[in-house]
Each structure stands twice: as C-alpha cells, then as structure tokens.
Amino acid sequence: MATPPAPSWVSASSGPAPGSYSSPPVSLEKQFEDFRVQLDETASVRERIRAVVMEMEAAVRLMNARLLLVHHSLPNPDVLEKARAQAGVLKGLFGRLAEILRECPGQYYKFHGDWRSETQAAVSLIAFLHWLDTGSLLMHPEAEKILGLDSSEFGLDIEDYLIGLCFMSNELPRYVVNQVCSGDYDCPRKVLKFLTDLHASFRMLNLRNDFLRKKFDGMKYDLRRRPPGYDESISTPMSYVYFEGQPSPACLMACSCPEDSTISTPPSSSLLYDKVTALLFLMEAAATTFMDDK
C-alpha cells in the first residue's frame, strides 16, 4: 500500500533543522542599529545639557544667597545689583542651552525636564527681584527677556513661569516679617494687596490636580488663614491690642508705646493702627497664635 503524501503545510516549512540558529533578519538588525545610534546621540546631548544645568544650579544658588541679604535690612541697591549680575549669568547659560537644542530641532520637551527645576527657581528669583524694584508682577514676556529666551525657538514654558511665581509668593511672608522688624510698617499692606491680586489672577486658570495646583493651594491657604480672635470688622485682633483698657505687653513692644498709655477705643488711622496691622500680618505669616482674652 502506497504511503500518502505529506500535507502541504509540512512540505512548505523549509526552516532550519532543530538545534541550528540563523542570523536575525537584516531589517531587524538595522532597526536596532538605528536605535543604538539614536540613544547614543541622545546621551551625548543630555550630557552637554547637564553640564550647562550644573552651572545654572550654581548661578541660582549664588543669586539666592545675594537676595537673602534683603531679609536682614531694608532693600540695599548694592545687594540688588549683585543679584542682577547673576541674572545676567543665567541669561548666558540659557543661551548656551538654546544653541544645543538648535542642533536637535523639535526635541525641546524631550530634554525640558533636565533644566525645568532650575528654570522655575530662576523665575522665582527674578520675579522677587522685579517686585523689590517695582512692587509689581513680573510678566511672562519680561521674564523671557531677562533670561534671553525666544518663544519661537526656546521659550519660557508657561507652567514653569507660574510655578516660579508660586515660589516667589512663598518668599514674601518671610520678607514681610523682617521688614516689619526693621520698621517698614507699610510693607504688609503692599504685600497683602499684591498676593491678593495674584491669587485672584490664578483663580482664572483651570488647574488640574498636579504640582502647579498644589503650589497654588499653598498660596490660597496662606491668604485664607486667620488667627484666633481676629475681628473682621476692624481688621485688628482687639484682644491683642489692649487688655482691660491698657495696651497689652506685646502691643507695647511692637508699637513702642509708653507703658502708662491708655487705649480707650480701637485705633483707627493712627500710627499705632499701622503698626498693629503690620504686626498682625507678621503674626499671620509666621503662623503664630494670638493670646486668648479669656
């Protein structure tokens, strides 16, 4: 009896014998060779970027150290000028980053995370410096100009700008505390108005549950915080101002009032009111608790 022919699918399988191996297809080798080249190029670009970013970190630290001196006394032109010099250094470093990215067009956001935190810190510092000079907010185009950025090629990311503003706003309460201690009793009102306007502007944004939203919430909670005993009708904690018709010890210390002074009515537009209001903002910023009048 004749043996039936093998099925067609058996005769069609002309693969290598078991135990033998062939080289991968040429197309597969080429694909992974291309991957290797791309990864090597990316690593090379990232190393160059990292070298510049390390210099940016040093410049940001030095600029921050310069600006820390404004907390010790009233703003000094020499201190601000030294901080501006570091802003010029940052401008040059951002220019070097832009040159590197011109060699790999269209890949800005591929490497953006490598310098993002340094950008946010730089925006925070130059925004604080701008506020010290003008008392107003540093606008996005102004920040790009100071840092030497061009929105058409290598611009300032909007989220980085906004996060930088949040960082800057966190610095202002500390500044207020030190300025009041130095005798600038009008500073709390200016800062409070500035932060209120900034907070209202942020509320126009539809922020998601991300890092930017968390930083904005920090600003929001600082503005909403009220100390115990706070009287909204006069914006002054009366248990803090006087006790049994006499200025409280804390009020005497803050306002430099004679110990035999008597406050029969709440202060209104006097220097005492200005100082107490300033001290109120100081206490709010430091998150301290006022004395209970019970």
C-alpha atoms as a PDB file:
ATOM      1  CA  MET A   1       0.000   0.000   0.000  1.00  0.00           C
ATOM      2  CA  ALA A   2       1.453   3.361  -1.039  1.00  0.00           C
ATOM      3  CA  THR A   3       2.315   5.941   1.638  1.00  0.00           C
ATOM      4  CA  PRO A   4       0.047   9.001   1.405  1.00  0.00           C
ATOM      5  CA  PRO A   5       1.785  12.254   0.516  1.00  0.00           C
ATOM      6  CA  ALA A   6       2.683  14.630   3.353  1.00  0.00           C
ATOM      7  CA  PRO A   7       0.368  17.611   3.913  1.00  0.00           C
ATOM      8  CA  SER A   8       1.236  20.745   2.028  1.00  0.00           C
ATOM      9  CA  TRP A   9       1.963  22.697   5.213  1.00  0.00           C
ATOM     10  CA  VAL A  10       4.678  20.177   6.160  1.00  0.00           C
ATOM     11  CA  SER A  11       6.417  20.339   2.815  1.00  0.00           C
ATOM     12  CA  ALA A  12       6.197  24.128   2.787  1.00  0.00           C
ATOM     13  CA  SER A  13       8.051  24.548   6.087  1.00  0.00           C
ATOM     14  CA  SER A  14      11.633  24.726   4.968  1.00  0.00           C
ATOM     15  CA  GLY A  15      13.156  26.078   8.206  1.00  0.00           C
ATOM     16  CA  PRO A  16      16.458  25.193   9.792  1.00  0.00           C
ATOM     17  CA  ALA A  17      16.888  21.876  11.464  1.00  0.00           C
ATOM     18  CA  PRO A  18      16.343  21.712  15.233  1.00  0.00           C
ATOM     19  CA  GLY A  19      19.398  22.902  17.157  1.00  0.00           C
ATOM     20  CA  SER A  20      20.691  25.201  14.407  1.00  0.00           C
ATOM     21  CA  TYR A  21      20.415  29.046  14.532  1.00  0.00           C
ATOM     22  CA  SER A  22      20.381  31.644  11.790  1.00  0.00           C
ATOM     23  CA  SER A  23      21.227  35.354  11.984  1.00  0.00           C
ATOM     24  CA  PRO A  24      18.294  37.758  12.540  1.00  0.00           C
ATOM     25  CA  PRO A  25      16.728  39.358   9.513  1.00  0.00           C
ATOM     26  CA  VAL A  26      18.536  42.326   8.061  1.00  0.00           C
ATOM     27  CA  SER A  27      15.576  44.632   8.734  1.00  0.00           C
ATOM     28  CA  LEU A  28      15.609  43.741  12.458  1.00  0.00           C
ATOM     29  CA  GLU A  29      19.346  44.333  12.745  1.00  0.00           C
ATOM     30  CA  LYS A  30      19.021  47.688  11.015  1.00  0.00           C
ATOM     31  CA  GLN A  31      16.207  48.786  13.318  1.00  0.00           C
ATOM     32  CA  PHE A  32      18.188  48.122  16.489  1.00  0.00           C
ATOM     33  CA  GLU A  33      21.321  49.612  14.998  1.00  0.00           C
ATOM     34  CA  ASP A  34      19.319  52.788  14.384  1.00  0.00           C
ATOM     35  CA  PHE A  35      18.081  52.632  17.977  1.00  0.00           C
ATOM     36  CA  ARG A  36      21.659  52.382  19.235  1.00  0.00           C
ATOM     37  CA  VAL A  37      22.724  55.412  17.225  1.00  0.00           C
ATOM     38  CA  GLN A  38      19.739  57.455  18.418  1.00  0.00           C
ATOM     39  CA  LEU A  39      20.308  56.535  22.069  1.00  0.00           C
ATOM     40  CA  ASP A  40      23.996  57.423  21.809  1.00  0.00           C
ATOM     41  CA  GLU A  41      23.138  60.783  20.265  1.00  0.00           C
ATOM     42  CA  THR A  42      20.532  61.456  22.964  1.00  0.00           C
ATOM     43  CA  ALA A  43      23.001  60.577  25.720  1.00  0.00           C
ATOM     44  CA  SER A  44      25.595  62.889  24.192  1.00  0.00           C
ATOM     45  CA  VAL A  45      23.134  65.792  24.018  1.00  0.00           C
ATOM     46  CA  ARG A  46      21.937  65.121  27.550  1.00  0.00           C
ATOM     47  CA  GLU A  47      25.495  65.178  28.886  1.00  0.00           C
ATOM     48  CA  ARG A  48      26.096  68.563  27.277  1.00  0.00           C
ATOM     49  CA  ILE A  49      22.819  69.869  28.685  1.00  0.00           C
ATOM     50  CA  ARG A  50      23.642  68.522  32.129  1.00  0.00           C
ATOM     51  CA  ALA A  51      26.970  70.346  32.123  1.00  0.00           C
ATOM     52  CA  VAL A  52      25.169  73.647  31.486  1.00  0.00           C
ATOM     53  CA  VAL A  53      22.465  72.846  34.045  1.00  0.00           C
ATOM     54  CA  MET A  54      25.093  72.323  36.743  1.00  0.00           C
ATOM     55  CA  GLU A  55      26.354  75.846  36.074  1.00  0.00           C
ATOM     56  CA  MET A  56      22.758  77.086  36.232  1.00  0.00           C
ATOM     57  CA  GLU A  57      22.331  75.452  39.638  1.00  0.00           C
ATOM     58  CA  ALA A  58      25.413  77.273  40.908  1.00  0.00           C
ATOM     59  CA  ALA A  59      24.205  80.607  39.497  1.00  0.00           C
ATOM     60  CA  VAL A  60      20.757  80.150  41.060  1.00  0.00           C
ATOM     61  CA  ARG A  61      22.291  79.337  44.449  1.00  0.00           C
ATOM     62  CA  LEU A  62      24.511  82.408  44.285  1.00  0.00           C
ATOM     63  CA  MET A  63      21.632  84.656  43.243  1.00  0.00           C
ATOM     64  CA  ASN A  64      19.514  83.279  46.057  1.00  0.00           C
ATOM     65  CA  ALA A  65      22.339  83.970  48.511  1.00  0.00           C
ATOM     66  CA  ARG A  66      22.514  87.571  47.268  1.00  0.00           C
ATOM     67  CA  LEU A  67      18.774  88.070  47.684  1.00  0.00           C
ATOM     68  CA  LEU A  68      18.799  86.584  51.179  1.00  0.00           C
ATOM     69  CA  LEU A  69      20.511  89.773  52.320  1.00  0.00           C
ATOM     70  CA  VAL A  70      17.341  91.791  51.669  1.00  0.00           C
ATOM     71  CA  HIS A  71      15.757  89.962  54.599  1.00  0.00           C
ATOM     72  CA  HIS A  72      18.320  91.386  57.005  1.00  0.00           C
ATOM     73  CA  SER A  73      17.556  95.066  56.440  1.00  0.00           C
ATOM     74  CA  LEU A  74      15.745  97.471  54.155  1.00  0.00           C
ATOM     75  CA  PRO A  75      16.465  96.889  50.429  1.00  0.00           C
ATOM     76  CA  ASN A  76      20.012  97.903  49.567  1.00  0.00           C
ATOM     77  CA  PRO A  77      20.842  98.957  45.973  1.00  0.00           C
ATOM     78  CA  ASP A  78      24.205  97.178  46.157  1.00  0.00           C
ATOM     79  CA  VAL A  79      22.535  93.914  47.176  1.00  0.00           C
ATOM     80  CA  LEU A  80      20.023  94.144  44.339  1.00  0.00           C
ATOM     81  CA  GLU A  81      22.752  94.983  41.821  1.00  0.00           C
ATOM     82  CA  LYS A  82      24.729  91.871  42.748  1.00  0.00           C
ATOM     83  CA  ALA A  83      21.584  89.788  42.288  1.00  0.00           C
ATOM     84  CA  ARG A  84      21.010  91.348  38.856  1.00  0.00           C
ATOM     85  CA  ALA A  85      24.534  90.339  37.872  1.00  0.00           C
ATOM     86  CA  GLN A  86      23.623  86.700  38.474  1.00  0.00           C
ATOM     87  CA  ALA A  87      20.526  87.164  36.323  1.00  0.00           C
ATOM     88  CA  GLY A  88      22.915  88.111  33.523  1.00  0.00           C
ATOM     89  CA  VAL A  89      24.872  84.905  34.120  1.00  0.00           C
ATOM     90  CA  LEU A  90      21.653  82.891  33.860  1.00  0.00           C
ATOM     91  CA  LYS A  91      20.831  84.638  30.593  1.00  0.00           C
ATOM     92  CA  GLY A  92      24.124  83.465  29.117  1.00  0.00           C
ATOM     93  CA  LEU A  93      23.561  79.899  30.304  1.00  0.00           C
ATOM     94  CA  PHE A  94      20.081  79.772  28.782  1.00  0.00           C
ATOM     95  CA  GLY A  95      21.673  80.972  25.556  1.00  0.00           C
ATOM     96  CA  ARG A  96      24.046  78.009  25.630  1.00  0.00           C
ATOM     97  CA  LEU A  97      21.110  75.656  26.135  1.00  0.00           C
ATOM     98  CA  ALA A  98      19.368  77.203  23.146  1.00  0.00           C
ATOM     99  CA  GLU A  99      22.444  76.575  20.986  1.00  0.00           C
ATOM    100  CA  ILE A 100      22.466  72.898  21.965  1.00  0.00           C
ATOM    101  CA  LEU A 101      18.771  72.487  21.178  1.00  0.00           C
ATOM    102  CA  ARG A 102      19.167  74.095  17.749  1.00  0.00           C
ATOM    103  CA  GLU A 103      21.166  71.013  16.797  1.00  0.00           C
ATOM    104  CA  CYS A 104      18.141  68.791  17.511  1.00  0.00           C
ATOM    105  CA  PRO A 105      15.079  70.760  16.383  1.00  0.00           C
ATOM    106  CA  GLY A 106      11.671  69.684  17.603  1.00  0.00           C
ATOM    107  CA  GLN A 107      13.019  67.980  20.721  1.00  0.00           C
ATOM    108  CA  TYR A 108      12.572  70.805  23.260  1.00  0.00           C
ATOM    109  CA  TYR A 109      10.194  68.858  25.502  1.00  0.00           C
ATOM    110  CA  LYS A 110      12.278  65.704  25.195  1.00  0.00           C
ATOM    111  CA  PHE A 111      15.018  67.394  27.249  1.00  0.00           C
ATOM    112  CA  HIS A 112      12.913  70.011  29.029  1.00  0.00           C
ATOM    113  CA  GLY A 113      12.843  68.090  32.306  1.00  0.00           C
ATOM    114  CA  ASP A 114      16.631  68.370  32.611  1.00  0.00           C
ATOM    115  CA  TRP A 115      16.508  72.114  33.355  1.00  0.00           C
ATOM    116  CA  ARG A 116      12.904  72.577  34.468  1.00  0.00           C
ATOM    117  CA  SER A 117      13.512  72.963  38.212  1.00  0.00           C
ATOM    118  CA  GLU A 118      16.357  75.416  37.586  1.00  0.00           C
ATOM    119  CA  THR A 119      14.080  77.466  35.332  1.00  0.00           C
ATOM    120  CA  GLN A 120      11.380  77.622  37.995  1.00  0.00           C
ATOM    121  CA  ALA A 121      13.900  78.716  40.620  1.00  0.00           C
ATOM    122  CA  ALA A 122      15.318  81.354  38.269  1.00  0.00           C
ATOM    123  CA  VAL A 123      11.841  82.747  37.554  1.00  0.00           C
ATOM    124  CA  SER A 124      11.131  82.881  41.278  1.00  0.00           C
ATOM    125  CA  LEU A 125      14.281  84.884  41.972  1.00  0.00           C
ATOM    126  CA  ILE A 126      13.967  87.349  39.104  1.00  0.00           C
ATOM    127  CA  ALA A 127      10.270  87.837  39.927  1.00  0.00           C
ATOM    128  CA  PHE A 128      11.186  88.629  43.539  1.00  0.00           C
ATOM    129  CA  LEU A 129      13.912  90.995  42.353  1.00  0.00           C
ATOM    130  CA  HIS A 130      11.451  92.677  39.991  1.00  0.00           C
ATOM    131  CA  TRP A 131       8.930  93.083  42.813  1.00  0.00           C
ATOM    132  CA  LEU A 132      11.571  94.659  45.053  1.00  0.00           C
ATOM    133  CA  ASP A 133      12.319  97.166  42.283  1.00  0.00           C
ATOM    134  CA  THR A 134       8.804  97.976  41.111  1.00  0.00           C
ATOM    135  CA  GLY A 135       6.284  96.450  43.524  1.00  0.00           C
ATOM    136  CA  SER A 136       4.548  94.799  40.564  1.00  0.00           C
ATOM    137  CA  LEU A 137       4.375  91.354  38.986  1.00  0.00           C
ATOM    138  CA  LEU A 138       6.998  90.219  36.504  1.00  0.00           C
ATOM    139  CA  MET A 139       5.102  89.452  33.307  1.00  0.00           C
ATOM    140  CA  HIS A 140       5.869  86.406  31.154  1.00  0.00           C
ATOM    141  CA  PRO A 141       7.405  88.374  28.225  1.00  0.00           C
ATOM    142  CA  GLU A 142       9.554  90.331  30.688  1.00  0.00           C
ATOM    143  CA  ALA A 143      10.820  87.102  32.247  1.00  0.00           C
ATOM    144  CA  GLU A 144      11.705  85.748  28.796  1.00  0.00           C
ATOM    145  CA  LYS A 145      13.596  88.938  28.001  1.00  0.00           C
ATOM    146  CA  ILE A 146      15.583  88.877  31.249  1.00  0.00           C
ATOM    147  CA  LEU A 147      16.557  85.234  30.694  1.00  0.00           C
ATOM    148  CA  GLY A 148      17.263  85.790  26.998  1.00  0.00           C
ATOM    149  CA  LEU A 149      14.619  83.336  25.810  1.00  0.00           C
ATOM    150  CA  ASP A 150      12.821  83.423  22.473  1.00  0.00           C
ATOM    151  CA  SER A 151       9.322  81.969  22.387  1.00  0.00           C
ATOM    152  CA  SER A 152       9.738  80.983  18.727  1.00  0.00           C
ATOM    153  CA  GLU A 153      12.717  78.692  19.433  1.00  0.00           C
ATOM    154  CA  PHE A 154      13.485  78.235  23.107  1.00  0.00           C
ATOM    155  CA  GLY A 155      10.805  79.938  25.164  1.00  0.00           C
ATOM    156  CA  LEU A 156       9.791  80.035  28.800  1.00  0.00           C
ATOM    157  CA  ASP A 157       7.285  77.269  29.475  1.00  0.00           C
ATOM    158  CA  ILE A 158       4.070  78.719  30.933  1.00  0.00           C
ATOM    159  CA  GLU A 159       3.895  76.171  33.755  1.00  0.00           C
ATOM    160  CA  ASP A 160       7.498  76.906  34.721  1.00  0.00           C
ATOM    161  CA  TYR A 161       6.641  80.605  34.849  1.00  0.00           C
ATOM    162  CA  LEU A 162       3.550  80.044  37.007  1.00  0.00           C
ATOM    163  CA  ILE A 163       5.328  77.684  39.404  1.00  0.00           C
ATOM    164  CA  GLY A 164       8.121  80.230  39.712  1.00  0.00           C
ATOM    165  CA  LEU A 165       5.546  82.856  40.726  1.00  0.00           C
ATOM    166  CA  CYS A 166       4.197  80.493  43.377  1.00  0.00           C
ATOM    167  CA  PHE A 167       7.697  80.015  44.759  1.00  0.00           C
ATOM    168  CA  MET A 168       8.163  83.782  44.816  1.00  0.00           C
ATOM    169  CA  SER A 169       4.892  84.338  46.668  1.00  0.00           C
ATOM    170  CA  ASN A 170       6.055  81.896  49.353  1.00  0.00           C
ATOM    171  CA  GLU A 171       9.065  84.134  49.962  1.00  0.00           C
ATOM    172  CA  LEU A 172       7.049  87.293  50.588  1.00  0.00           C
ATOM    173  CA  PRO A 173       5.674  86.458  54.079  1.00  0.00           C
ATOM    174  CA  ARG A 174       9.213  85.971  55.329  1.00  0.00           C
ATOM    175  CA  TYR A 175      10.190  89.264  53.739  1.00  0.00           C
ATOM    176  CA  VAL A 176       7.285  90.999  55.482  1.00  0.00           C
ATOM    177  CA  VAL A 177       8.339  89.654  58.875  1.00  0.00           C
ATOM    178  CA  ASN A 178      11.841  91.046  58.527  1.00  0.00           C
ATOM    179  CA  GLN A 179      10.725  94.364  57.062  1.00  0.00           C
ATOM    180  CA  VAL A 180       8.304  94.993  59.923  1.00  0.00           C
ATOM    181  CA  CYS A 181      11.084  94.219  62.381  1.00  0.00           C
ATOM    182  CA  SER A 182      13.203  96.797  60.515  1.00  0.00           C
ATOM    183  CA  GLY A 183      10.484  99.437  60.863  1.00  0.00           C
ATOM    184  CA  ASP A 184       8.768  99.276  57.455  1.00  0.00           C
ATOM    185  CA  TYR A 185       5.154  99.130  58.651  1.00  0.00           C
ATOM    186  CA  ASP A 186       3.678  99.804  55.220  1.00  0.00           C
ATOM    187  CA  CYS A 187       5.204  96.652  53.713  1.00  0.00           C
ATOM    188  CA  PRO A 188       2.454  94.251  54.920  1.00  0.00           C
ATOM    189  CA  ARG A 189      -0.266  96.206  53.153  1.00  0.00           C
ATOM    190  CA  LYS A 190       1.662  96.261  49.878  1.00  0.00           C
ATOM    191  CA  VAL A 191       2.429  92.560  50.057  1.00  0.00           C
ATOM    192  CA  LEU A 192      -1.125  91.647  51.011  1.00  0.00           C
ATOM    193  CA  LYS A 193      -2.555  93.598  48.069  1.00  0.00           C
ATOM    194  CA  PHE A 194      -0.027  92.055  45.693  1.00  0.00           C
ATOM    195  CA  LEU A 195      -0.720  88.498  46.865  1.00  0.00           C
ATOM    196  CA  THR A 196      -4.476  89.058  46.783  1.00  0.00           C
ATOM    197  CA  ASP A 197      -4.307  90.260  43.171  1.00  0.00           C
ATOM    198  CA  LEU A 198      -2.006  87.389  42.219  1.00  0.00           C
ATOM    199  CA  HIS A 199      -4.285  84.858  43.883  1.00  0.00           C
ATOM    200  CA  ALA A 200      -7.323  86.284  42.076  1.00  0.00           C
ATOM    201  CA  SER A 201      -5.482  86.007  38.757  1.00  0.00           C
ATOM    202  CA  PHE A 202      -4.547  82.379  39.409  1.00  0.00           C
ATOM    203  CA  ARG A 203      -8.184  81.579  40.072  1.00  0.00           C
ATOM    204  CA  MET A 204      -8.909  82.331  36.412  1.00  0.00           C
ATOM    205  CA  LEU A 205      -6.915  79.225  35.466  1.00  0.00           C
ATOM    206  CA  ASN A 206      -8.451  75.766  35.290  1.00  0.00           C
ATOM    207  CA  LEU A 207      -5.678  73.979  37.156  1.00  0.00           C
ATOM    208  CA  ARG A 208      -5.549  70.192  37.270  1.00  0.00           C
ATOM    209  CA  ASN A 209      -4.527  68.099  40.251  1.00  0.00           C
ATOM    210  CA  ASP A 210      -0.813  68.408  39.614  1.00  0.00           C
ATOM    211  CA  PHE A 211       2.240  70.135  41.064  1.00  0.00           C
ATOM    212  CA  LEU A 212       1.135  73.580  39.902  1.00  0.00           C
ATOM    213  CA  ARG A 213      -2.247  73.134  41.568  1.00  0.00           C
ATOM    214  CA  LYS A 214      -0.570  72.133  44.830  1.00  0.00           C
ATOM    215  CA  LYS A 215       1.645  75.216  44.775  1.00  0.00           C
ATOM    216  CA  PHE A 216      -1.379  77.415  44.092  1.00  0.00           C
ATOM    217  CA  ASP A 217      -3.233  75.805  47.003  1.00  0.00           C
ATOM    218  CA  GLY A 218      -0.360  76.803  49.259  1.00  0.00           C
ATOM    219  CA  MET A 219      -0.845  80.421  48.237  1.00  0.00           C
ATOM    220  CA  LYS A 220      -4.599  80.122  48.737  1.00  0.00           C
ATOM    221  CA  TYR A 221      -4.342  78.694  52.246  1.00  0.00           C
ATOM    222  CA  ASP A 222      -1.878  81.382  53.312  1.00  0.00           C
ATOM    223  CA  LEU A 223      -4.324  84.087  52.277  1.00  0.00           C
ATOM    224  CA  ARG A 224      -7.289  82.412  53.969  1.00  0.00           C
ATOM    225  CA  ARG A 225      -5.568  81.825  57.282  1.00  0.00           C
ATOM    226  CA  ARG A 226      -6.932  83.950  60.161  1.00  0.00           C
ATOM    227  CA  PRO A 227      -5.661  83.934  63.732  1.00  0.00           C
ATOM    228  CA  PRO A 228      -7.968  83.250  66.695  1.00  0.00           C
ATOM    229  CA  GLY A 229      -9.636  86.404  67.979  1.00  0.00           C
ATOM    230  CA  TYR A 230      -9.411  88.145  64.615  1.00  0.00           C
ATOM    231  CA  ASP A 231     -12.093  90.850  64.283  1.00  0.00           C
ATOM    232  CA  GLU A 232     -13.133  91.192  60.623  1.00  0.00           C
ATOM    233  CA  SER A 233     -14.981  94.483  61.252  1.00  0.00           C
ATOM    234  CA  ILE A 234     -11.815  96.364  62.196  1.00  0.00           C
ATOM    235  CA  SER A 235      -9.158  94.011  60.785  1.00  0.00           C
ATOM    236  CA  THR A 236      -7.347  94.072  64.133  1.00  0.00           C
ATOM    237  CA  PRO A 237      -7.186  91.445  66.896  1.00  0.00           C
ATOM    238  CA  MET A 238      -8.541  93.534  69.770  1.00  0.00           C
ATOM    239  CA  SER A 239      -7.518  91.057  72.462  1.00  0.00           C
ATOM    240  CA  TYR A 240      -4.006  91.566  71.158  1.00  0.00           C
ATOM    241  CA  VAL A 241      -4.180  95.400  71.103  1.00  0.00           C
ATOM    242  CA  TYR A 242      -5.445  96.076  74.599  1.00  0.00           C
ATOM    243  CA  PHE A 243      -6.414  94.260  77.770  1.00  0.00           C
ATOM    244  CA  GLU A 244      -8.586  95.870  80.463  1.00  0.00           C
ATOM    245  CA  GLY A 245      -8.179  99.326  78.949  1.00  0.00           C
ATOM    246  CA  GLN A 246      -4.386  99.119  78.832  1.00  0.00           C
ATOM    247  CA  PRO A 247      -2.090  98.224  75.936  1.00  0.00           C
ATOM    248  CA  SER A 248      -1.067  94.603  76.096  1.00  0.00           C
ATOM    249  CA  PRO A 249       2.640  93.894  76.662  1.00  0.00           C
ATOM    250  CA  ALA A 250       3.001  92.576  73.119  1.00  0.00           C
ATOM    251  CA  CYS A 251       1.375  95.718  71.718  1.00  0.00           C
ATOM    252  CA  LEU A 252       3.715  97.924  73.758  1.00  0.00           C
ATOM    253  CA  MET A 253       6.713  96.057  72.400  1.00  0.00           C
ATOM    254  CA  ALA A 254       5.537  96.264  68.812  1.00  0.00           C
ATOM    255  CA  CYS A 255       4.359  99.861  68.861  1.00  0.00           C
ATOM    256  CA  SER A 256       6.878 101.387  71.267  1.00  0.00           C
ATOM    257  CA  CYS A 257       4.048 102.948  73.312  1.00  0.00           C
ATOM    258  CA  PRO A 258       4.681 104.350  76.801  1.00  0.00           C
ATOM    259  CA  GLU A 259       3.676 101.877  79.468  1.00  0.00           C
ATOM    260  CA  ASP A 260       1.239 104.357  81.007  1.00  0.00           C
ATOM    261  CA  SER A 261      -0.678 104.790  77.747  1.00  0.00           C
ATOM    262  CA  THR A 262      -4.388 104.018  77.783  1.00  0.00           C
ATOM    263  CA  ILE A 263      -6.296 102.899  74.718  1.00  0.00           C
ATOM    264  CA  SER A 264      -9.957 103.516  75.379  1.00  0.00           C
ATOM    265  CA  THR A 265     -11.054 102.927  71.798  1.00  0.00           C
ATOM    266  CA  PRO A 266      -9.723 100.757  68.994  1.00  0.00           C
ATOM    267  CA  PRO A 267      -7.063 102.552  66.909  1.00  0.00           C
ATOM    268  CA  SER A 268      -8.210 103.828  63.536  1.00  0.00           C
ATOM    269  CA  SER A 269      -5.855 105.659  61.187  1.00  0.00           C
ATOM    270  CA  SER A 270      -3.095 106.409  63.678  1.00  0.00           C
ATOM    271  CA  LEU A 271       0.475 105.207  63.590  1.00  0.00           C
ATOM    272  CA  LEU A 272      -0.484 102.734  66.288  1.00  0.00           C
ATOM    273  CA  TYR A 273      -3.039 101.171  63.943  1.00  0.00           C
ATOM    274  CA  ASP A 274      -0.468 100.944  61.160  1.00  0.00           C
ATOM    275  CA  LYS A 275       1.984  99.192  63.427  1.00  0.00           C
ATOM    276  CA  VAL A 276      -0.603  96.827  64.850  1.00  0.00           C
ATOM    277  CA  THR A 277      -1.835  95.963  61.350  1.00  0.00           C
ATOM    278  CA  ALA A 278       1.733  95.312  60.282  1.00  0.00           C
ATOM    279  CA  LEU A 279       2.301  93.138  63.288  1.00  0.00           C
ATOM    280  CA  LEU A 280      -0.912  91.249  62.544  1.00  0.00           C
ATOM    281  CA  PHE A 281       0.365  90.345  59.104  1.00  0.00           C
ATOM    282  CA  LEU A 282       3.686  89.390  60.647  1.00  0.00           C
ATOM    283  CA  MET A 283       1.975  87.046  63.061  1.00  0.00           C
ATOM    284  CA  GLU A 284      -0.169  85.534  60.315  1.00  0.00           C
ATOM    285  CA  ALA A 285       2.837  84.933  58.120  1.00  0.00           C
ATOM    286  CA  ALA A 286       4.676  83.223  60.950  1.00  0.00           C
ATOM    287  CA  ALA A 287       1.565  81.131  61.744  1.00  0.00           C
ATOM    288  CA  THR A 288       1.718  82.018  65.432  1.00  0.00           C
ATOM    289  CA  THR A 289      -1.226  82.049  67.833  1.00  0.00           C
ATOM    290  CA  PHE A 290      -2.519  85.202  69.467  1.00  0.00           C
ATOM    291  CA  MET A 291      -3.209  85.482  73.186  1.00  0.00           C
ATOM    292  CA  ASP A 292      -6.721  84.471  74.218  1.00  0.00           C
ATOM    293  CA  ASP A 293      -8.611  87.236  76.045  1.00  0.00           C
ATOM    294  CA  LYS A 294     -10.459  84.866  78.318  1.00  0.00           C
END
